[in-house]
Amino acid sequence: MGSPGTVVVAGGAGVAGECVVHALLRRGARVVVPSRTESRLTDLMARVDPAHRERLHLVVGDVGTELGVEAVRDAVVREHGAPRAVVASLGAWWEGEQLVDVSTETWNRVLHDNLTAHFLVARTFLPVLDQEAAPVYVTLAGIAADHPEPFASPISITGAAQRMLLRTLAVGDIGARVRLHEVAIMTPVVTARWDGPDPDPVWLSGEVVGDYVADVVAPDFTGGLLLEIPDVGAAGT
């Protein structure tokens, strides 16, 4: 398995993103995590194995704005050179009213956090990935993109749009230069910080999710555009 190189994990201070950060660090990657909230980065560093901390690099910046994501990109390239890979673990779950009762404020917020942020990160980082090092771009998604959720309709809608965003990139010029994958996580992710009801035994652990995404990021991975974990039959393009 080739060197993981430098990997930017956008959303690496979130639950699923942090699982990916730990897995990549265990495999020897240099990992860069941006966040607009410095305290979240400090907390992340505190949870990382001390033996790996010198390879974790934190950047205070907002990848959800045009100026912010460009500043993060410039800082990454200036300090570490062109990254080999990006993992975009962006957005958050929302549940509330049915679609006809969703406020414009809620719609705009979910649309921005769960779709526009993906667009900004993809548009900004894809052109600067290291073309000499098997570049790869991975997005993380959930089950709602496939399953209409009446009380989480903005999540289902933005999830489906995020999937089409990646498919559109795959058939464009960038798809011939960068390996693209969506990893759809089909269960809740149970970590040491789980504070919900007793988890179902079939739900995925954070370690399993992190290791799976780290496998996808590895230079010799050969899977298709859409990947589901656990695999329930969807793969390929």
C-alpha atoms as a PDB file:
ATOM      1  CA  MET A   1       0.000   0.000   0.000  1.00  0.00           C
ATOM      2  CA  GLY A   2       1.514   3.361  -1.041  1.00  0.00           C
ATOM      3  CA  SER A   3       2.130   6.361   1.161  1.00  0.00           C
ATOM      4  CA  PRO A   4      -1.040   8.209   2.225  1.00  0.00           C
ATOM      5  CA  GLY A   5       0.819  11.529   1.879  1.00  0.00           C
ATOM      6  CA  THR A   6      -0.909  14.747   2.961  1.00  0.00           C
ATOM      7  CA  VAL A   7      -4.681  14.439   3.415  1.00  0.00           C
ATOM      8  CA  VAL A   8      -7.017  17.350   4.133  1.00  0.00           C
ATOM      9  CA  VAL A   9     -10.045  16.262   6.175  1.00  0.00           C
ATOM     10  CA  ALA A  10     -12.658  19.010   5.867  1.00  0.00           C
ATOM     11  CA  GLY A  11     -15.001  18.428   8.782  1.00  0.00           C
ATOM     12  CA  GLY A  12     -12.338  16.438  10.631  1.00  0.00           C
ATOM     13  CA  ALA A  13     -13.439  17.889  13.960  1.00  0.00           C
ATOM     14  CA  GLY A  14     -16.900  16.301  13.549  1.00  0.00           C
ATOM     15  CA  VAL A  15     -17.882  12.799  14.621  1.00  0.00           C
ATOM     16  CA  ALA A  16     -17.317  10.861  11.381  1.00  0.00           C
ATOM     17  CA  GLY A  17     -14.492  13.134  10.283  1.00  0.00           C
ATOM     18  CA  GLU A  18     -12.580  12.557  13.493  1.00  0.00           C
ATOM     19  CA  CYS A  19     -12.788   8.791  12.967  1.00  0.00           C
ATOM     20  CA  VAL A  20     -11.144   9.294   9.579  1.00  0.00           C
ATOM     21  CA  VAL A  21      -8.455  11.516  11.101  1.00  0.00           C
ATOM     22  CA  HIS A  22      -7.466   8.849  13.643  1.00  0.00           C
ATOM     23  CA  ALA A  23      -7.351   6.118  10.992  1.00  0.00           C
ATOM     24  CA  LEU A  24      -5.225   8.167   8.602  1.00  0.00           C
ATOM     25  CA  LEU A  25      -2.797   9.102  11.364  1.00  0.00           C
ATOM     26  CA  ARG A  26      -2.426   5.444  12.312  1.00  0.00           C
ATOM     27  CA  ARG A  27      -1.374   4.772   8.717  1.00  0.00           C
ATOM     28  CA  GLY A  28       1.295   7.430   8.712  1.00  0.00           C
ATOM     29  CA  ALA A  29      -0.480  10.233   6.851  1.00  0.00           C
ATOM     30  CA  ARG A  30       0.084  13.921   7.431  1.00  0.00           C
ATOM     31  CA  VAL A  31      -3.440  15.130   8.190  1.00  0.00           C
ATOM     32  CA  VAL A  32      -4.657  18.720   7.943  1.00  0.00           C
ATOM     33  CA  VAL A  33      -7.953  19.609   9.632  1.00  0.00           C
ATOM     34  CA  PRO A  34      -9.599  23.022   9.214  1.00  0.00           C
ATOM     35  CA  SER A  35     -12.360  24.347  11.439  1.00  0.00           C
ATOM     36  CA  ARG A  36     -13.813  27.780  12.051  1.00  0.00           C
ATOM     37  CA  THR A  37     -13.935  26.979  15.793  1.00  0.00           C
ATOM     38  CA  GLU A  38     -10.515  26.850  17.431  1.00  0.00           C
ATOM     39  CA  SER A  39     -11.799  25.055  20.539  1.00  0.00           C
ATOM     40  CA  ARG A  40     -12.978  22.112  18.410  1.00  0.00           C
ATOM     41  CA  LEU A  41      -9.485  21.783  16.974  1.00  0.00           C
ATOM     42  CA  THR A  42      -7.966  21.920  20.453  1.00  0.00           C
ATOM     43  CA  ASP A  43     -10.330  19.187  21.632  1.00  0.00           C
ATOM     44  CA  LEU A  44      -9.490  17.072  18.595  1.00  0.00           C
ATOM     45  CA  MET A  45      -5.750  17.330  19.239  1.00  0.00           C
ATOM     46  CA  ALA A  46      -6.300  16.286  22.869  1.00  0.00           C
ATOM     47  CA  ARG A  47      -8.024  13.066  21.731  1.00  0.00           C
ATOM     48  CA  VAL A  48      -5.277  12.103  19.265  1.00  0.00           C
ATOM     49  CA  ASP A  49      -2.636   9.549  20.250  1.00  0.00           C
ATOM     50  CA  PRO A  50       0.400  11.578  21.411  1.00  0.00           C
ATOM     51  CA  ALA A  51       2.596   9.473  19.126  1.00  0.00           C
ATOM     52  CA  HIS A  52       0.697  10.862  16.112  1.00  0.00           C
ATOM     53  CA  ARG A  53       0.250  14.514  17.079  1.00  0.00           C
ATOM     54  CA  GLU A  54       3.230  15.825  15.145  1.00  0.00           C
ATOM     55  CA  ARG A  55       1.520  14.707  11.919  1.00  0.00           C
ATOM     56  CA  LEU A  56      -1.788  16.426  12.732  1.00  0.00           C
ATOM     57  CA  HIS A  57      -1.917  20.023  11.530  1.00  0.00           C
ATOM     58  CA  LEU A  58      -4.779  22.306  12.496  1.00  0.00           C
ATOM     59  CA  VAL A  59      -5.987  25.347  10.556  1.00  0.00           C
ATOM     60  CA  VAL A  60      -8.504  27.849  11.883  1.00  0.00           C
ATOM     61  CA  GLY A  61     -10.650  28.774   8.903  1.00  0.00           C
ATOM     62  CA  ASP A  62     -14.164  28.489   7.513  1.00  0.00           C
ATOM     63  CA  VAL A  63     -14.387  26.194   4.466  1.00  0.00           C
ATOM     64  CA  GLY A  64     -18.064  27.132   4.177  1.00  0.00           C
ATOM     65  CA  THR A  65     -17.241  30.565   2.736  1.00  0.00           C
ATOM     66  CA  GLU A  66     -15.468  31.405  -0.512  1.00  0.00           C
ATOM     67  CA  LEU A  67     -12.773  33.530   1.110  1.00  0.00           C
ATOM     68  CA  GLY A  68     -12.388  31.139   4.022  1.00  0.00           C
ATOM     69  CA  VAL A  69     -11.868  27.987   1.969  1.00  0.00           C
ATOM     70  CA  GLU A  70      -9.409  29.766  -0.312  1.00  0.00           C
ATOM     71  CA  ALA A  71      -7.418  30.920   2.721  1.00  0.00           C
ATOM     72  CA  VAL A  72      -7.340  27.358   4.047  1.00  0.00           C
ATOM     73  CA  ARG A  73      -6.201  26.034   0.656  1.00  0.00           C
ATOM     74  CA  ASP A  74      -3.437  28.616   0.452  1.00  0.00           C
ATOM     75  CA  ALA A  75      -2.242  27.792   3.976  1.00  0.00           C
ATOM     76  CA  VAL A  76      -2.164  24.055   3.208  1.00  0.00           C
ATOM     77  CA  VAL A  77      -0.228  24.456  -0.048  1.00  0.00           C
ATOM     78  CA  ARG A  78       2.172  26.977   1.475  1.00  0.00           C
ATOM     79  CA  GLU A  79       3.038  24.826   4.486  1.00  0.00           C
ATOM     80  CA  HIS A  80       2.701  21.271   3.132  1.00  0.00           C
ATOM     81  CA  GLY A  81       2.698  21.475  -0.649  1.00  0.00           C
ATOM     82  CA  ALA A  82      -0.056  20.099  -2.840  1.00  0.00           C
ATOM     83  CA  PRO A  83      -2.177  17.609  -0.870  1.00  0.00           C
ATOM     84  CA  ARG A  84      -2.623  14.111  -2.265  1.00  0.00           C
ATOM     85  CA  ALA A  85      -6.176  13.682  -1.015  1.00  0.00           C
ATOM     86  CA  VAL A  86      -9.190  15.427   0.455  1.00  0.00           C
ATOM     87  CA  VAL A  87     -11.937  13.857   2.563  1.00  0.00           C
ATOM     88  CA  ALA A  88     -15.039  16.062   2.818  1.00  0.00           C
ATOM     89  CA  SER A  89     -17.071  15.167   5.909  1.00  0.00           C
ATOM     90  CA  LEU A  90     -19.353  18.180   5.915  1.00  0.00           C
ATOM     91  CA  GLY A  91     -22.811  19.047   7.142  1.00  0.00           C
ATOM     92  CA  ALA A  92     -24.965  17.849  10.005  1.00  0.00           C
ATOM     93  CA  TRP A  93     -28.185  15.954  10.585  1.00  0.00           C
ATOM     94  CA  TRP A  94     -31.382  17.951  10.903  1.00  0.00           C
ATOM     95  CA  GLU A  95     -34.852  16.694  11.828  1.00  0.00           C
ATOM     96  CA  GLY A  96     -38.017  18.677  12.401  1.00  0.00           C
ATOM     97  CA  GLU A  97     -41.072  19.570  10.336  1.00  0.00           C
ATOM     98  CA  GLN A  98     -42.259  18.045   7.092  1.00  0.00           C
ATOM     99  CA  LEU A  99     -41.125  19.860   3.959  1.00  0.00           C
ATOM    100  CA  VAL A 100     -44.160  22.132   3.537  1.00  0.00           C
ATOM    101  CA  ASP A 101     -43.574  23.475   7.068  1.00  0.00           C
ATOM    102  CA  VAL A 102     -39.799  24.005   6.820  1.00  0.00           C
ATOM    103  CA  SER A 103     -38.861  27.661   7.219  1.00  0.00           C
ATOM    104  CA  THR A 104     -36.764  29.443   4.621  1.00  0.00           C
ATOM    105  CA  GLU A 105     -34.159  30.086   7.316  1.00  0.00           C
ATOM    106  CA  THR A 106     -33.825  26.368   8.059  1.00  0.00           C
ATOM    107  CA  TRP A 107     -33.792  25.483   4.354  1.00  0.00           C
ATOM    108  CA  ASN A 108     -31.022  27.967   3.597  1.00  0.00           C
ATOM    109  CA  ARG A 109     -28.918  26.830   6.550  1.00  0.00           C
ATOM    110  CA  VAL A 110     -29.152  23.127   5.709  1.00  0.00           C
ATOM    111  CA  LEU A 111     -28.577  23.827   2.011  1.00  0.00           C
ATOM    112  CA  HIS A 112     -25.448  25.805   2.828  1.00  0.00           C
ATOM    113  CA  ASP A 113     -23.977  23.409   5.391  1.00  0.00           C
ATOM    114  CA  ASN A 114     -24.803  20.172   3.563  1.00  0.00           C
ATOM    115  CA  LEU A 115     -24.390  21.150  -0.092  1.00  0.00           C
ATOM    116  CA  THR A 116     -22.845  24.561  -0.726  1.00  0.00           C
ATOM    117  CA  ALA A 117     -19.931  23.758   1.576  1.00  0.00           C
ATOM    118  CA  HIS A 118     -19.269  20.595  -0.458  1.00  0.00           C
ATOM    119  CA  PHE A 119     -19.304  22.663  -3.653  1.00  0.00           C
ATOM    120  CA  LEU A 120     -16.864  25.200  -2.227  1.00  0.00           C
ATOM    121  CA  VAL A 121     -14.398  22.600  -0.960  1.00  0.00           C
ATOM    122  CA  ALA A 122     -14.523  20.589  -4.199  1.00  0.00           C
ATOM    123  CA  ARG A 123     -14.137  23.637  -6.426  1.00  0.00           C
ATOM    124  CA  THR A 124     -11.248  24.986  -4.360  1.00  0.00           C
ATOM    125  CA  PHE A 125      -9.213  21.862  -3.627  1.00  0.00           C
ATOM    126  CA  LEU A 126      -9.675  19.601  -6.656  1.00  0.00           C
ATOM    127  CA  PRO A 127      -7.493  21.764  -8.944  1.00  0.00           C
ATOM    128  CA  VAL A 128      -4.558  21.761  -6.485  1.00  0.00           C
ATOM    129  CA  LEU A 129      -4.332  18.045  -5.678  1.00  0.00           C
ATOM    130  CA  ASP A 130      -0.924  16.502  -6.381  1.00  0.00           C
ATOM    131  CA  GLN A 131      -1.211  15.005  -9.860  1.00  0.00           C
ATOM    132  CA  GLU A 132       1.996  13.010  -9.367  1.00  0.00           C
ATOM    133  CA  ALA A 133       0.708  11.118  -6.324  1.00  0.00           C
ATOM    134  CA  ALA A 134      -2.518   9.268  -7.268  1.00  0.00           C
ATOM    135  CA  PRO A 135      -4.868  12.091  -6.163  1.00  0.00           C
ATOM    136  CA  VAL A 136      -8.182  11.157  -4.585  1.00  0.00           C
ATOM    137  CA  TYR A 137     -11.225  13.095  -3.412  1.00  0.00           C
ATOM    138  CA  VAL A 138     -13.733  11.437  -1.057  1.00  0.00           C
ATOM    139  CA  THR A 139     -17.065  12.712   0.228  1.00  0.00           C
ATOM    140  CA  LEU A 140     -18.938  11.195   3.164  1.00  0.00           C
ATOM    141  CA  ALA A 141     -22.708  10.874   3.012  1.00  0.00           C
ATOM    142  CA  GLY A 142     -25.527   9.167   4.883  1.00  0.00           C
ATOM    143  CA  ILE A 143     -28.515   6.969   4.259  1.00  0.00           C
ATOM    144  CA  ALA A 144     -30.963   9.841   3.672  1.00  0.00           C
ATOM    145  CA  ALA A 145     -29.744  10.436   0.104  1.00  0.00           C
ATOM    146  CA  ASP A 146     -31.329   7.079  -0.827  1.00  0.00           C
ATOM    147  CA  HIS A 147     -34.272   7.089   1.573  1.00  0.00           C
ATOM    148  CA  PRO A 148     -36.756   9.996   1.575  1.00  0.00           C
ATOM    149  CA  GLU A 149     -37.197  11.106   5.191  1.00  0.00           C
ATOM    150  CA  PRO A 150     -40.440  13.049   5.712  1.00  0.00           C
ATOM    151  CA  PHE A 151     -39.199  14.858   8.833  1.00  0.00           C
ATOM    152  CA  ALA A 152     -35.657  15.363   7.514  1.00  0.00           C
ATOM    153  CA  SER A 153     -36.479  16.308   3.943  1.00  0.00           C
ATOM    154  CA  PRO A 154     -33.750  18.967   3.557  1.00  0.00           C
ATOM    155  CA  ILE A 155     -31.184  16.299   4.480  1.00  0.00           C
ATOM    156  CA  SER A 156     -32.523  13.853   1.887  1.00  0.00           C
ATOM    157  CA  ILE A 157     -32.628  16.554  -0.782  1.00  0.00           C
ATOM    158  CA  THR A 158     -29.137  17.900  -0.136  1.00  0.00           C
ATOM    159  CA  GLY A 159     -27.787  14.349   0.147  1.00  0.00           C
ATOM    160  CA  ALA A 160     -29.123  13.466  -3.288  1.00  0.00           C
ATOM    161  CA  ALA A 161     -27.735  16.714  -4.705  1.00  0.00           C
ATOM    162  CA  GLN A 162     -24.337  16.052  -3.125  1.00  0.00           C
ATOM    163  CA  ARG A 163     -24.285  12.684  -4.876  1.00  0.00           C
ATOM    164  CA  MET A 164     -25.071  14.316  -8.224  1.00  0.00           C
ATOM    165  CA  LEU A 165     -22.351  16.907  -7.583  1.00  0.00           C
ATOM    166  CA  LEU A 166     -19.780  14.114  -7.408  1.00  0.00           C
ATOM    167  CA  ARG A 167     -21.256  12.294 -10.419  1.00  0.00           C
ATOM    168  CA  THR A 168     -21.067  15.494 -12.433  1.00  0.00           C
ATOM    169  CA  LEU A 169     -17.430  15.964 -11.474  1.00  0.00           C
ATOM    170  CA  ALA A 170     -16.708  12.351 -12.439  1.00  0.00           C
ATOM    171  CA  VAL A 171     -17.834  12.836 -16.044  1.00  0.00           C
ATOM    172  CA  GLY A 172     -15.975  16.125 -16.429  1.00  0.00           C
ATOM    173  CA  ASP A 173     -12.304  16.802 -17.069  1.00  0.00           C
ATOM    174  CA  ILE A 174     -11.416  16.554 -13.387  1.00  0.00           C
ATOM    175  CA  GLY A 175     -12.771  12.997 -13.282  1.00  0.00           C
ATOM    176  CA  ALA A 176     -10.003  11.889 -15.643  1.00  0.00           C
ATOM    177  CA  ARG A 177      -7.315  13.296 -13.333  1.00  0.00           C
ATOM    178  CA  VAL A 178      -8.618  12.629  -9.818  1.00  0.00           C
ATOM    179  CA  ARG A 179     -10.091   9.436  -8.374  1.00  0.00           C
ATOM    180  CA  LEU A 180     -13.510  10.312  -6.907  1.00  0.00           C
ATOM    181  CA  HIS A 181     -15.583   8.392  -4.347  1.00  0.00           C
ATOM    182  CA  GLU A 182     -18.649   8.895  -2.202  1.00  0.00           C
ATOM    183  CA  VAL A 183     -18.703   6.767   0.943  1.00  0.00           C
ATOM    184  CA  ALA A 184     -22.309   6.450   2.121  1.00  0.00           C
ATOM    185  CA  ILE A 185     -22.431   5.509   5.810  1.00  0.00           C
ATOM    186  CA  MET A 186     -25.653   3.551   6.134  1.00  0.00           C
ATOM    187  CA  THR A 187     -25.970   3.406   9.949  1.00  0.00           C
ATOM    188  CA  PRO A 188     -25.285   5.775  12.830  1.00  0.00           C
ATOM    189  CA  VAL A 189     -21.605   5.927  13.801  1.00  0.00           C
ATOM    190  CA  VAL A 190     -20.964   4.798  17.375  1.00  0.00           C
ATOM    191  CA  THR A 191     -17.888   6.305  19.028  1.00  0.00           C
ATOM    192  CA  ALA A 192     -16.616   6.735  22.570  1.00  0.00           C
ATOM    193  CA  ARG A 193     -18.572  10.008  22.660  1.00  0.00           C
ATOM    194  CA  TRP A 194     -21.900   8.320  21.789  1.00  0.00           C
ATOM    195  CA  ASP A 195     -24.635   9.848  23.975  1.00  0.00           C
ATOM    196  CA  GLY A 196     -27.762   8.506  22.288  1.00  0.00           C
ATOM    197  CA  PRO A 197     -29.904   5.457  23.077  1.00  0.00           C
ATOM    198  CA  ASP A 198     -28.322   2.031  23.319  1.00  0.00           C
ATOM    199  CA  PRO A 199     -26.838   1.401  19.880  1.00  0.00           C
ATOM    200  CA  ASP A 200     -28.032  -1.449  17.688  1.00  0.00           C
ATOM    201  CA  PRO A 201     -25.349  -4.157  17.390  1.00  0.00           C
ATOM    202  CA  VAL A 202     -25.328  -3.759  13.592  1.00  0.00           C
ATOM    203  CA  TRP A 203     -24.454  -0.054  13.741  1.00  0.00           C
ATOM    204  CA  LEU A 204     -20.969   0.852  12.624  1.00  0.00           C
ATOM    205  CA  SER A 205     -18.238   1.784  15.055  1.00  0.00           C
ATOM    206  CA  GLY A 206     -16.121   4.845  14.504  1.00  0.00           C
ATOM    207  CA  GLU A 207     -13.042   2.690  14.074  1.00  0.00           C
ATOM    208  CA  VAL A 208     -14.670   0.637  11.304  1.00  0.00           C
ATOM    209  CA  VAL A 209     -15.771   3.796   9.474  1.00  0.00           C
ATOM    210  CA  GLY A 210     -12.369   5.439   9.824  1.00  0.00           C
ATOM    211  CA  ASP A 211     -10.480   2.391   8.599  1.00  0.00           C
ATOM    212  CA  TYR A 212     -12.822   1.962   5.636  1.00  0.00           C
ATOM    213  CA  VAL A 213     -12.359   5.558   4.491  1.00  0.00           C
ATOM    214  CA  ALA A 214      -8.595   5.278   5.010  1.00  0.00           C
ATOM    215  CA  ASP A 215      -8.665   2.223   2.726  1.00  0.00           C
ATOM    216  CA  VAL A 216     -10.477   4.280   0.075  1.00  0.00           C
ATOM    217  CA  VAL A 217      -7.914   7.073   0.364  1.00  0.00           C
ATOM    218  CA  ALA A 218      -5.001   4.636  -0.091  1.00  0.00           C
ATOM    219  CA  PRO A 219      -3.280   4.988  -3.484  1.00  0.00           C
ATOM    220  CA  ASP A 220      -4.026   1.424  -4.563  1.00  0.00           C
ATOM    221  CA  PHE A 221      -7.793   1.402  -3.859  1.00  0.00           C
ATOM    222  CA  THR A 222      -9.825   0.344  -6.905  1.00  0.00           C
ATOM    223  CA  GLY A 223     -13.499   0.640  -5.922  1.00  0.00           C
ATOM    224  CA  GLY A 224     -16.239   2.520  -7.766  1.00  0.00           C
ATOM    225  CA  LEU A 225     -17.666   6.000  -7.459  1.00  0.00           C
ATOM    226  CA  LEU A 226     -20.414   5.120  -4.971  1.00  0.00           C
ATOM    227  CA  LEU A 227     -19.475   2.962  -1.988  1.00  0.00           C
ATOM    228  CA  GLU A 228     -21.768   1.934   0.865  1.00  0.00           C
ATOM    229  CA  ILE A 229     -20.705   0.818   4.322  1.00  0.00           C
ATOM    230  CA  PRO A 230     -21.924  -1.694   5.212  1.00  0.00           C
ATOM    231  CA  ASP A 231     -22.249  -2.828   1.603  1.00  0.00           C
ATOM    232  CA  VAL A 232     -25.952  -3.273   0.841  1.00  0.00           C
ATOM    233  CA  GLY A 233     -25.554  -3.655  -2.877  1.00  0.00           C
ATOM    234  CA  ALA A 234     -24.682  -0.222  -4.251  1.00  0.00           C
ATOM    235  CA  ALA A 235     -21.340   0.180  -5.963  1.00  0.00           C
ATOM    236  CA  GLY A 236     -19.860   1.486  -9.173  1.00  0.00           C
ATOM    237  CA  THR A 237     -21.094   4.524 -11.033  1.00  0.00           C
END
